[in-house]
């Protein structure tokens, strides 16, 4: 849901940019936001997508649309529909390719920063593979054969067994 909100916010930002600013800032800012929009749509469609994958896909899609402009088909469609003009553009412009890359990099950076676990944050963000034994301050990985606390049997009941098989409390 957050990615869909980001997509809608990106569309709003692009429309405001077009309405308020003119010239190269509006044009190239719009190019970057185009790729940001594709990025947010990729994350909406596949919420578990890795940021680098979403960035690569959105950049490749942006470049594909730009190179398609060399065929003249987007120009014909754009002449018939304002929506087609916004989505497909009309004329190939090599600097657009760099601005699409800037948009992909920006979206990747924001997504990576937003999903990075915070110190002291909730454990479900990035699960740990270590358990702490009761009464001890050290943490040992669950797969450690010397770990006194293991999961055994059906139902995941925890049982204690020391290194020599004896219970640690007796």
C-alpha atoms as a PDB file:
ATOM      1  CA  UNK A   1       0.000   0.000   0.000  1.00  0.00           C
ATOM      2  CA  UNK A   2       2.904   2.337   0.737  1.00  0.00           C
ATOM      3  CA  UNK A   3       4.342   1.755  -2.748  1.00  0.00           C
ATOM      4  CA  UNK A   4       0.989   2.577  -4.345  1.00  0.00           C
ATOM      5  CA  UNK A   5       0.848   5.796  -2.314  1.00  0.00           C
ATOM      6  CA  UNK A   6       4.377   6.594  -3.500  1.00  0.00           C
ATOM      7  CA  UNK A   7       3.260   6.006  -7.106  1.00  0.00           C
ATOM      8  CA  UNK A   8       0.334   8.401  -6.709  1.00  0.00           C
ATOM      9  CA  UNK A   9       2.606  10.940  -5.018  1.00  0.00           C
ATOM     10  CA  UNK A  10       5.072  10.638  -7.901  1.00  0.00           C
ATOM     11  CA  UNK A  11       2.333  11.307 -10.461  1.00  0.00           C
ATOM     12  CA  UNK A  12       1.197  14.329  -8.435  1.00  0.00           C
ATOM     13  CA  UNK A  13       4.769  15.643  -8.187  1.00  0.00           C
ATOM     14  CA  UNK A  14       5.271  15.261 -11.937  1.00  0.00           C
ATOM     15  CA  UNK A  15       2.034  17.074 -12.743  1.00  0.00           C
ATOM     16  CA  UNK A  16       2.869  19.896 -10.334  1.00  0.00           C
ATOM     17  CA  UNK A  17       6.363  20.137 -11.813  1.00  0.00           C
ATOM     18  CA  UNK A  18       4.901  20.448 -15.321  1.00  0.00           C
ATOM     19  CA  UNK A  19       2.390  23.073 -14.202  1.00  0.00           C
ATOM     20  CA  UNK A  20       4.725  25.220 -12.108  1.00  0.00           C
ATOM     21  CA  UNK A  21       8.164  24.968 -13.725  1.00  0.00           C
ATOM     22  CA  UNK A  22       9.151  25.376 -17.355  1.00  0.00           C
ATOM     23  CA  UNK A  23      12.185  24.594 -19.455  1.00  0.00           C
ATOM     24  CA  UNK A  24      14.843  21.982 -18.834  1.00  0.00           C
ATOM     25  CA  UNK A  25      14.022  21.580 -15.130  1.00  0.00           C
ATOM     26  CA  UNK A  26      10.468  20.512 -15.935  1.00  0.00           C
ATOM     27  CA  UNK A  27      11.510  18.304 -18.840  1.00  0.00           C
ATOM     28  CA  UNK A  28      14.387  16.458 -17.215  1.00  0.00           C
ATOM     29  CA  UNK A  29      12.775  16.392 -13.778  1.00  0.00           C
ATOM     30  CA  UNK A  30       9.791  14.782 -15.449  1.00  0.00           C
ATOM     31  CA  UNK A  31      12.074  12.195 -17.054  1.00  0.00           C
ATOM     32  CA  UNK A  32      13.528  11.257 -13.684  1.00  0.00           C
ATOM     33  CA  UNK A  33      10.059  11.103 -12.099  1.00  0.00           C
ATOM     34  CA  UNK A  34       8.884   8.874 -14.968  1.00  0.00           C
ATOM     35  CA  UNK A  35      11.414   6.253 -13.913  1.00  0.00           C
ATOM     36  CA  UNK A  36      10.570   6.777 -10.229  1.00  0.00           C
ATOM     37  CA  UNK A  37       6.937   6.061 -11.120  1.00  0.00           C
ATOM     38  CA  UNK A  38       7.888   2.845 -12.920  1.00  0.00           C
ATOM     39  CA  UNK A  39       9.970   1.892  -9.872  1.00  0.00           C
ATOM     40  CA  UNK A  40       7.045   2.425  -7.488  1.00  0.00           C
ATOM     41  CA  UNK A  41       4.762   0.429  -9.781  1.00  0.00           C
ATOM     42  CA  UNK A  42       7.284  -2.437  -9.779  1.00  0.00           C
ATOM     43  CA  UNK A  43       7.350  -2.398  -5.964  1.00  0.00           C
ATOM     44  CA  UNK A  44       3.534  -2.235  -5.879  1.00  0.00           C
ATOM     45  CA  UNK A  45       3.299  -5.272  -8.175  1.00  0.00           C
ATOM     46  CA  UNK A  46       6.038  -7.231  -6.381  1.00  0.00           C
ATOM     47  CA  UNK A  47       6.423  -5.942  -2.792  1.00  0.00           C
ATOM     48  CA  UNK A  48       9.368  -8.264  -2.026  1.00  0.00           C
ATOM     49  CA  UNK A  49      11.388  -7.092  -5.044  1.00  0.00           C
ATOM     50  CA  UNK A  50      14.935  -6.087  -4.217  1.00  0.00           C
ATOM     51  CA  UNK A  51      15.720  -2.394  -4.663  1.00  0.00           C
ATOM     52  CA  UNK A  52      18.467  -3.082  -7.218  1.00  0.00           C
ATOM     53  CA  UNK A  53      16.114  -5.266  -9.266  1.00  0.00           C
ATOM     54  CA  UNK A  54      13.354  -2.657  -9.185  1.00  0.00           C
ATOM     55  CA  UNK A  55      15.851   0.024 -10.226  1.00  0.00           C
ATOM     56  CA  UNK A  56      17.171  -2.073 -13.111  1.00  0.00           C
ATOM     57  CA  UNK A  57      13.688  -2.969 -14.363  1.00  0.00           C
ATOM     58  CA  UNK A  58      12.402   0.599 -14.183  1.00  0.00           C
ATOM     59  CA  UNK A  59      15.502   1.920 -15.934  1.00  0.00           C
ATOM     60  CA  UNK A  60      15.302  -0.677 -18.708  1.00  0.00           C
ATOM     61  CA  UNK A  61      11.598   0.038 -19.238  1.00  0.00           C
ATOM     62  CA  UNK A  62      12.299   3.784 -19.416  1.00  0.00           C
ATOM     63  CA  UNK A  63      15.087   3.248 -21.915  1.00  0.00           C
ATOM     64  CA  UNK A  64      12.872   0.912 -23.984  1.00  0.00           C
ATOM     65  CA  UNK A  65      10.194   3.617 -24.259  1.00  0.00           C
ATOM     66  CA  UNK A  66      12.823   6.209 -25.194  1.00  0.00           C
ATOM     67  CA  UNK A  67      14.369   4.009 -27.879  1.00  0.00           C
ATOM     68  CA  UNK A  68      10.884   3.160 -29.191  1.00  0.00           C
ATOM     69  CA  UNK A  69      10.579   6.859 -30.009  1.00  0.00           C
ATOM     70  CA  UNK A  70      13.079   6.245 -32.816  1.00  0.00           C
ATOM     71  CA  UNK A  71      10.370   4.255 -34.639  1.00  0.00           C
ATOM     72  CA  UNK A  72       7.865   7.098 -34.885  1.00  0.00           C
ATOM     73  CA  UNK A  73       5.039   5.003 -33.405  1.00  0.00           C
ATOM     74  CA  UNK A  74       4.978   6.885 -30.075  1.00  0.00           C
ATOM     75  CA  UNK A  75       4.862  10.190 -31.999  1.00  0.00           C
ATOM     76  CA  UNK A  76       1.803   9.005 -33.947  1.00  0.00           C
ATOM     77  CA  UNK A  77       0.055   7.838 -30.775  1.00  0.00           C
ATOM     78  CA  UNK A  78       1.026  11.023 -28.929  1.00  0.00           C
ATOM     79  CA  UNK A  79      -0.560  13.140 -31.644  1.00  0.00           C
ATOM     80  CA  UNK A  80      -3.869  11.374 -31.002  1.00  0.00           C
ATOM     81  CA  UNK A  81      -3.866  11.246 -27.194  1.00  0.00           C
ATOM     82  CA  UNK A  82      -2.520  13.471 -24.403  1.00  0.00           C
ATOM     83  CA  UNK A  83      -2.210  10.371 -22.194  1.00  0.00           C
ATOM     84  CA  UNK A  84      -0.069   8.633 -24.829  1.00  0.00           C
ATOM     85  CA  UNK A  85       2.101  11.746 -24.988  1.00  0.00           C
ATOM     86  CA  UNK A  86       2.654  11.631 -21.210  1.00  0.00           C
ATOM     87  CA  UNK A  87       3.356   7.891 -21.183  1.00  0.00           C
ATOM     88  CA  UNK A  88       5.270   7.385 -24.440  1.00  0.00           C
ATOM     89  CA  UNK A  89       6.651  10.790 -25.364  1.00  0.00           C
ATOM     90  CA  UNK A  90       7.222  11.598 -28.994  1.00  0.00           C
ATOM     91  CA  UNK A  91      10.834  12.424 -29.840  1.00  0.00           C
ATOM     92  CA  UNK A  92      14.042  10.592 -28.993  1.00  0.00           C
ATOM     93  CA  UNK A  93      16.393  12.746 -26.920  1.00  0.00           C
ATOM     94  CA  UNK A  94      19.712  11.165 -25.793  1.00  0.00           C
ATOM     95  CA  UNK A  95      20.021  13.226 -22.540  1.00  0.00           C
ATOM     96  CA  UNK A  96      16.752  11.656 -21.380  1.00  0.00           C
ATOM     97  CA  UNK A  97      18.619   8.367 -20.937  1.00  0.00           C
ATOM     98  CA  UNK A  98      20.827   9.885 -18.227  1.00  0.00           C
ATOM     99  CA  UNK A  99      17.856  11.435 -16.435  1.00  0.00           C
ATOM    100  CA  UNK A 100      16.077   8.068 -16.381  1.00  0.00           C
ATOM    101  CA  UNK A 101      19.196   6.652 -14.715  1.00  0.00           C
ATOM    102  CA  UNK A 102      19.090   9.498 -12.175  1.00  0.00           C
ATOM    103  CA  UNK A 103      15.461   8.661 -11.388  1.00  0.00           C
ATOM    104  CA  UNK A 104      16.260   4.966 -10.937  1.00  0.00           C
ATOM    105  CA  UNK A 105      19.167   5.841  -8.631  1.00  0.00           C
ATOM    106  CA  UNK A 106      16.996   8.194  -6.589  1.00  0.00           C
ATOM    107  CA  UNK A 107      14.222   5.616  -6.204  1.00  0.00           C
ATOM    108  CA  UNK A 108      16.767   2.932  -5.269  1.00  0.00           C
ATOM    109  CA  UNK A 109      18.360   5.192  -2.639  1.00  0.00           C
ATOM    110  CA  UNK A 110      15.030   6.134  -1.053  1.00  0.00           C
ATOM    111  CA  UNK A 111      13.776   2.526  -1.072  1.00  0.00           C
ATOM    112  CA  UNK A 112      17.054   1.210   0.375  1.00  0.00           C
ATOM    113  CA  UNK A 113      17.077   3.846   3.123  1.00  0.00           C
ATOM    114  CA  UNK A 114      13.416   3.243   3.956  1.00  0.00           C
ATOM    115  CA  UNK A 115      13.835  -0.526   4.308  1.00  0.00           C
ATOM    116  CA  UNK A 116      17.162  -0.513   6.178  1.00  0.00           C
ATOM    117  CA  UNK A 117      16.709  -1.741   9.768  1.00  0.00           C
ATOM    118  CA  UNK A 118      17.123   0.922  12.410  1.00  0.00           C
ATOM    119  CA  UNK A 119      19.223   0.374  15.551  1.00  0.00           C
ATOM    120  CA  UNK A 120      16.896  -0.627  18.380  1.00  0.00           C
ATOM    121  CA  UNK A 121      14.103  -1.120  15.863  1.00  0.00           C
ATOM    122  CA  UNK A 122      11.575  -3.913  15.727  1.00  0.00           C
ATOM    123  CA  UNK A 123      13.120  -7.356  15.227  1.00  0.00           C
ATOM    124  CA  UNK A 124      10.676  -8.364  12.500  1.00  0.00           C
ATOM    125  CA  UNK A 125      12.326  -5.948  10.069  1.00  0.00           C
ATOM    126  CA  UNK A 126      15.397  -8.122   9.804  1.00  0.00           C
ATOM    127  CA  UNK A 127      15.215 -11.375  11.781  1.00  0.00           C
ATOM    128  CA  UNK A 128      18.215 -12.511  13.730  1.00  0.00           C
ATOM    129  CA  UNK A 129      19.510 -16.060  13.586  1.00  0.00           C
ATOM    130  CA  UNK A 130      20.839 -16.081  17.129  1.00  0.00           C
ATOM    131  CA  UNK A 131      19.177 -17.054  20.382  1.00  0.00           C
ATOM    132  CA  UNK A 132      20.263 -16.032  23.840  1.00  0.00           C
ATOM    133  CA  UNK A 133      20.283 -18.703  26.496  1.00  0.00           C
ATOM    134  CA  UNK A 134      18.352 -17.757  29.646  1.00  0.00           C
ATOM    135  CA  UNK A 135      20.726 -16.526  32.295  1.00  0.00           C
ATOM    136  CA  UNK A 136      23.515 -15.779  29.838  1.00  0.00           C
ATOM    137  CA  UNK A 137      24.376 -12.583  28.022  1.00  0.00           C
ATOM    138  CA  UNK A 138      26.000 -14.229  25.020  1.00  0.00           C
ATOM    139  CA  UNK A 139      24.109 -15.122  21.863  1.00  0.00           C
ATOM    140  CA  UNK A 140      24.899 -18.215  19.829  1.00  0.00           C
ATOM    141  CA  UNK A 141      23.524 -19.088  16.408  1.00  0.00           C
ATOM    142  CA  UNK A 142      20.673 -21.611  16.425  1.00  0.00           C
ATOM    143  CA  UNK A 143      22.715 -24.032  14.279  1.00  0.00           C
ATOM    144  CA  UNK A 144      25.657 -24.031  16.727  1.00  0.00           C
ATOM    145  CA  UNK A 145      26.047 -27.606  18.096  1.00  0.00           C
ATOM    146  CA  UNK A 146      27.289 -26.158  21.393  1.00  0.00           C
ATOM    147  CA  UNK A 147      24.107 -24.152  21.820  1.00  0.00           C
ATOM    148  CA  UNK A 148      22.423 -25.388  24.991  1.00  0.00           C
ATOM    149  CA  UNK A 149      18.955 -24.320  23.822  1.00  0.00           C
ATOM    150  CA  UNK A 150      17.655 -26.229  20.843  1.00  0.00           C
ATOM    151  CA  UNK A 151      14.316 -27.006  19.272  1.00  0.00           C
ATOM    152  CA  UNK A 152      13.503 -30.702  19.417  1.00  0.00           C
ATOM    153  CA  UNK A 153      10.613 -32.936  18.528  1.00  0.00           C
ATOM    154  CA  UNK A 154       7.309 -31.962  17.000  1.00  0.00           C
ATOM    155  CA  UNK A 155       5.663 -28.730  17.942  1.00  0.00           C
ATOM    156  CA  UNK A 156       8.942 -26.893  18.433  1.00  0.00           C
ATOM    157  CA  UNK A 157       9.206 -27.409  22.208  1.00  0.00           C
ATOM    158  CA  UNK A 158      12.484 -26.099  23.541  1.00  0.00           C
ATOM    159  CA  UNK A 159      14.534 -28.414  25.668  1.00  0.00           C
ATOM    160  CA  UNK A 160      17.793 -27.805  27.425  1.00  0.00           C
ATOM    161  CA  UNK A 161      20.798 -30.031  26.913  1.00  0.00           C
ATOM    162  CA  UNK A 162      24.337 -29.144  27.904  1.00  0.00           C
ATOM    163  CA  UNK A 163      27.425 -29.949  25.896  1.00  0.00           C
ATOM    164  CA  UNK A 164      27.755 -33.299  27.599  1.00  0.00           C
ATOM    165  CA  UNK A 165      24.010 -34.022  27.331  1.00  0.00           C
ATOM    166  CA  UNK A 166      23.301 -33.031  30.950  1.00  0.00           C
ATOM    167  CA  UNK A 167      20.793 -30.357  31.807  1.00  0.00           C
ATOM    168  CA  UNK A 168      22.576 -27.049  32.472  1.00  0.00           C
ATOM    169  CA  UNK A 169      20.720 -26.577  35.763  1.00  0.00           C
ATOM    170  CA  UNK A 170      21.577 -29.875  37.302  1.00  0.00           C
END
